[in-house]
Protein backbone atom coordinates (compact mmCIF):
# COMPACT_ATOMS: atom_id res chain seq x y z
CA MET A 1 0.59 20.51 24.53
CA PRO A 2 -0.74 23.91 25.62
CA ASN A 3 0.45 27.09 23.96
CA ARG A 4 3.25 28.83 25.80
CA VAL A 5 3.96 32.51 26.35
CA LEU A 6 7.30 33.87 27.57
CA ALA A 7 7.64 37.37 29.05
CA LEU A 8 11.37 38.13 28.98
CA PHE A 9 12.14 41.51 30.54
CA ALA A 10 15.05 43.25 32.24
CA HIS A 11 13.98 43.38 35.90
CA PRO A 12 11.53 41.87 38.36
CA ASP A 13 8.27 43.88 38.14
CA ASP A 14 8.78 45.02 34.50
CA ALA A 15 6.33 42.37 33.22
CA GLU A 16 3.86 43.32 35.97
CA PHE A 17 3.83 46.90 34.75
CA LEU A 18 3.75 46.20 31.03
CA CYS A 19 2.13 42.89 30.11
CA ALA A 20 0.74 41.02 33.13
CA GLY A 21 -2.84 41.65 32.06
CA THR A 22 -2.24 39.97 28.73
CA LEU A 23 -0.46 37.11 30.51
CA ALA A 24 -3.50 36.72 32.79
CA LEU A 25 -5.87 36.56 29.81
CA LEU A 26 -3.72 33.95 28.13
CA ALA A 27 -3.46 31.93 31.36
CA LEU A 28 -7.26 31.91 31.58
CA ARG A 29 -7.29 30.41 28.07
CA GLY A 30 -4.97 27.59 29.10
CA TRP A 31 -1.63 29.01 28.03
CA ARG A 32 1.50 28.19 30.08
CA VAL A 33 3.16 31.34 31.37
CA THR A 34 6.90 31.81 31.96
CA ILE A 35 8.43 35.06 33.18
CA ILE A 36 12.21 35.48 32.86
CA THR A 37 14.20 38.52 33.92
CA ALA A 38 17.72 39.35 32.83
CA THR A 39 18.69 40.56 36.33
CA PRO A 40 17.40 39.98 39.86
CA GLY A 41 17.05 43.74 40.32
CA ASP A 42 20.26 43.92 42.36
CA CYS A 43 20.44 47.74 42.32
CA GLY A 44 16.85 48.21 43.39
CA SER A 45 17.47 49.32 46.94
CA ALA A 46 19.23 52.06 48.88
CA GLU A 47 18.76 50.32 52.24
CA VAL A 48 20.17 46.79 51.76
CA GLY A 49 22.99 45.32 49.74
CA SER A 50 22.80 43.80 46.27
CA ALA A 51 22.76 40.16 47.41
CA GLU A 52 19.91 40.73 49.88
CA ILE A 53 17.71 42.74 47.55
CA SER A 54 18.35 40.20 44.77
CA ALA A 55 17.06 37.38 47.00
CA ILE A 56 14.05 39.42 47.98
CA ARG A 57 13.18 40.34 44.42
CA ARG A 58 13.58 36.82 43.05
CA SER A 59 11.10 35.67 45.69
CA GLU A 60 8.72 38.49 44.86
CA ALA A 61 8.88 37.68 41.14
CA SER A 62 8.30 33.97 41.77
CA ARG A 63 5.20 34.69 43.85
CA ALA A 64 3.89 37.05 41.13
CA ALA A 65 4.30 34.44 38.39
CA GLY A 66 2.64 31.85 40.67
CA ILE A 67 -0.56 33.88 40.71
CA LEU A 68 -0.99 32.87 37.04
CA GLY A 69 0.22 29.35 37.70
CA GLY A 70 3.43 30.34 35.91
CA GLU A 71 7.16 29.94 36.47
CA TYR A 72 9.86 32.54 37.02
CA PHE A 73 13.57 32.36 36.22
CA CYS A 74 16.44 34.84 36.38
CA LEU A 75 19.37 34.93 33.92
CA GLU A 76 21.56 36.49 36.64
CA GLU A 77 22.91 39.42 34.71
CA ARG A 78 23.33 42.62 36.75
CA ASP A 79 21.53 45.96 36.68
CA LEU A 80 23.11 48.48 34.34
CA ALA A 81 25.69 45.89 33.32
CA ILE A 82 23.81 43.86 30.68
CA ASP A 83 26.17 43.72 27.72
CA TYR A 84 25.03 43.40 24.14
CA ASN A 85 27.42 40.73 23.00
CA THR A 86 27.67 37.13 21.92
CA ILE A 87 27.91 35.76 25.46
CA THR A 88 24.61 37.28 26.51
CA ARG A 89 23.05 36.44 23.13
CA ARG A 90 23.81 32.76 23.75
CA LYS A 91 22.42 32.97 27.28
CA PHE A 92 19.18 34.53 26.02
CA THR A 93 18.93 31.96 23.22
CA GLU A 94 19.33 29.10 25.65
CA ALA A 95 16.61 30.56 27.89
CA ILE A 96 14.20 30.86 24.98
CA ARG A 97 14.95 27.35 23.79
CA ARG A 98 14.23 26.01 27.28
CA ALA A 99 10.96 27.92 27.52
CA GLN A 100 9.85 26.63 24.05
CA PRO A 101 7.47 29.61 23.57
CA ASP A 102 4.94 30.19 20.81
CA LEU A 103 4.79 33.87 21.80
CA VAL A 104 7.41 36.16 23.33
CA LEU A 105 6.83 39.56 24.95
CA THR A 106 9.67 41.94 25.73
CA HIS A 107 10.75 45.59 26.01
CA PRO A 108 10.55 48.03 23.10
CA LEU A 109 13.87 48.85 21.42
CA VAL A 110 13.58 52.48 22.56
CA ASP A 111 12.86 53.09 26.23
CA TYR A 112 13.99 55.25 29.13
CA MET A 113 16.99 53.13 30.18
CA ALA A 114 19.71 50.99 28.63
CA ASP A 115 18.74 47.74 30.36
CA HIS A 116 15.34 47.77 28.73
CA GLU A 117 16.66 48.62 25.27
CA ILE A 118 19.50 46.09 25.40
CA VAL A 119 17.17 43.30 26.58
CA GLY A 120 14.77 44.07 23.75
CA ARG A 121 17.60 43.76 21.23
CA LEU A 122 18.94 40.58 22.79
CA VAL A 123 15.48 38.97 22.80
CA ARG A 124 15.03 39.87 19.11
CA ASP A 125 18.37 38.33 18.24
CA ALA A 126 17.84 35.26 20.39
CA ILE A 127 14.47 34.53 18.85
CA PHE A 128 16.10 34.67 15.44
CA ALA A 129 18.85 32.32 16.57
CA ALA A 130 16.72 29.89 18.56
CA PRO A 131 15.75 27.66 15.57
CA MET A 132 19.34 27.50 14.28
CA PRO A 133 20.83 24.20 15.48
CA ASN A 134 24.40 25.36 14.64
CA PHE A 135 24.11 28.40 16.92
CA GLU A 136 25.54 26.95 20.15
CA ALA A 137 23.63 27.99 23.24
CA GLY A 138 23.67 25.44 26.03
CA SER A 139 22.10 22.01 25.86
CA ALA A 140 18.46 22.86 25.09
CA PRO A 141 17.30 21.77 21.64
CA SER A 142 16.67 24.37 18.96
CA LEU A 143 13.11 25.56 18.33
CA PRO A 144 11.13 24.22 15.37
CA ALA A 145 10.40 27.81 14.19
CA ILE A 146 10.76 31.44 15.14
CA PRO A 147 8.11 32.35 17.74
CA HIS A 148 5.91 35.43 17.52
CA LEU A 149 7.56 38.52 19.01
CA TYR A 150 5.86 41.58 20.47
CA TYR A 151 7.33 44.66 22.12
CA SER A 152 5.43 46.16 25.03
CA ASP A 153 4.70 49.82 25.56
CA PRO A 154 7.48 51.73 27.33
CA ILE A 155 6.83 52.60 30.96
CA THR A 156 7.07 56.28 30.02
CA ILE A 157 3.53 56.31 28.64
CA ALA A 158 2.44 56.99 32.22
CA ASP A 159 3.82 60.51 31.56
CA ALA A 160 0.89 62.49 30.11
CA HIS A 161 3.38 64.59 28.12
CA SER A 162 4.96 61.66 26.31
CA VAL A 163 3.67 60.51 22.94
CA LEU A 164 1.69 57.31 23.02
CA PRO A 165 3.62 54.93 20.73
CA PRO A 166 1.87 53.17 17.86
CA ALA A 167 0.52 49.72 18.67
CA THR A 168 -0.29 46.92 16.28
CA CYS A 169 -2.31 45.30 19.07
CA GLU A 170 -4.21 46.78 22.01
CA VAL A 171 -5.48 44.33 24.60
CA ASP A 172 -8.44 45.17 26.86
CA ILE A 173 -7.30 43.97 30.29
CA THR A 174 -10.10 45.57 32.31
CA ASP A 175 -11.50 42.23 33.44
CA VAL A 176 -8.14 41.00 34.74
CA MET A 177 -6.77 44.24 36.12
CA HIS A 178 -7.20 42.79 39.62
CA SER A 179 -4.74 39.99 38.73
CA LYS A 180 -2.26 42.42 37.29
CA ARG A 181 -2.51 44.55 40.42
CA GLU A 182 -2.13 41.50 42.68
CA MET A 183 1.02 40.49 40.79
CA LEU A 184 2.60 43.93 41.23
CA GLU A 185 1.62 43.96 44.93
CA GLN A 186 4.09 41.09 45.42
CA HIS A 187 6.93 43.51 44.62
CA ARG A 188 6.63 45.37 47.91
CA SER A 189 10.38 46.00 48.11
CA GLN A 190 10.10 48.47 45.27
CA ARG A 191 7.70 51.00 46.72
CA GLU A 192 10.31 52.97 48.60
CA TRP A 193 12.88 52.53 45.84
CA LEU A 194 10.54 53.93 43.16
CA ARG A 195 9.71 56.82 45.46
CA ARG A 196 13.44 57.61 45.87
CA GLN A 197 14.77 56.91 42.36
CA HIS A 198 11.82 57.73 40.13
CA GLY A 199 9.74 60.17 42.16
CA VAL A 200 6.77 57.81 42.03
CA ASP A 201 4.96 57.77 45.34
CA GLU A 202 2.80 54.74 44.65
CA TYR A 203 3.83 52.01 42.24
CA LEU A 204 0.26 50.67 42.00
CA ARG A 205 -0.86 54.11 40.86
CA LEU A 206 1.85 54.17 38.18
CA GLN A 207 0.63 50.75 36.94
CA GLU A 208 -2.92 52.07 36.79
CA GLU A 209 -1.90 55.22 34.92
CA ILE A 210 -0.10 53.16 32.27
CA GLY A 211 -3.21 50.97 31.82
CA ARG A 212 -5.63 53.88 31.70
CA ARG A 213 -3.61 55.78 29.11
CA ARG A 214 -3.47 52.84 26.72
CA GLY A 215 -7.09 52.12 27.65
CA ALA A 216 -8.14 55.56 26.41
CA SER A 217 -6.63 54.70 23.03
CA ALA A 218 -8.31 51.28 22.99
CA ASP A 219 -11.70 52.66 24.10
CA CYS A 220 -11.77 50.68 27.35
CA GLU A 221 -10.85 51.31 30.98
CA PHE A 222 -7.50 49.50 31.04
CA ALA A 223 -5.39 48.16 28.18
CA GLU A 224 -1.88 47.04 27.23
CA GLY A 225 -0.29 47.94 23.93
CA PHE A 226 2.14 45.93 21.83
CA GLN A 227 4.07 46.44 18.65
CA GLN A 228 4.55 43.20 16.75
CA HIS A 229 7.97 42.62 15.22
CA LEU A 230 7.19 41.98 11.57
CA GLY A 231 10.66 41.80 10.05
CA HIS A 232 11.69 38.88 7.85
CA PRO A 233 11.42 36.02 8.72
CA TYR A 234 9.38 36.53 11.91
CA PRO A 235 5.71 35.40 11.92
CA THR A 236 3.33 38.17 10.80
CA ASP A 237 -0.10 36.88 11.87
CA ASP A 238 -1.42 38.55 15.03
CA LEU A 239 -1.21 35.70 17.52
CA ILE A 240 -2.22 37.81 20.56
CA ARG A 241 -5.41 38.94 18.88
CA ALA A 242 -6.23 35.44 17.73
CA ALA A 243 -5.58 33.93 21.12
CA ILE A 244 -7.61 36.45 23.16
CA GLN A 245 -10.64 36.94 20.89
């Protein structure tokens, strides 16, 4: 069975900004890729209603995952309404059990918005719970062991005035930047939204700035940074580095 990587983030396009290059490198090495988002991005428009933009963004995310031969699923939470509680913890645990990952990528625990931070915490908890057969979370069987967990860089590293966070692993994605860019290009619905809400005129430029800033730290053109969760009893060997070398 091939190794499996799960990118579990808050919204459609988060993975494309933060870890799609690493996903592309793993896919090239035969890994199965799954991207899951907590929400369908239902607040990501000022022009159409939540149901319409949700349908658009699910389709965009599915096309982006398909570029890597991967799958996309949505947990159908709602933007700015993801609660940190037992109900969502069970939902996240079931999703992780169904994906059966060896490696999980998610948001850092400190970021610019609550959705990202809460998803990072829920993923951490769910990974811990996933091998516990007595923790009830749907019908999927429990995992044989806790998978490797890595937090991505926050999106705010595109701001030249922000402090670049420490990384236990920096991945040179220069050779697959075209795939990362192609994945983000699928999320066309977000260009005008990011211009309106975030003051970002071009979402592809933002993606490039994030990659270049981490690349400067990694001594390459484009890179992605990750902080491995090393708390007891999570795995402590650097699986990303071993897989991509």
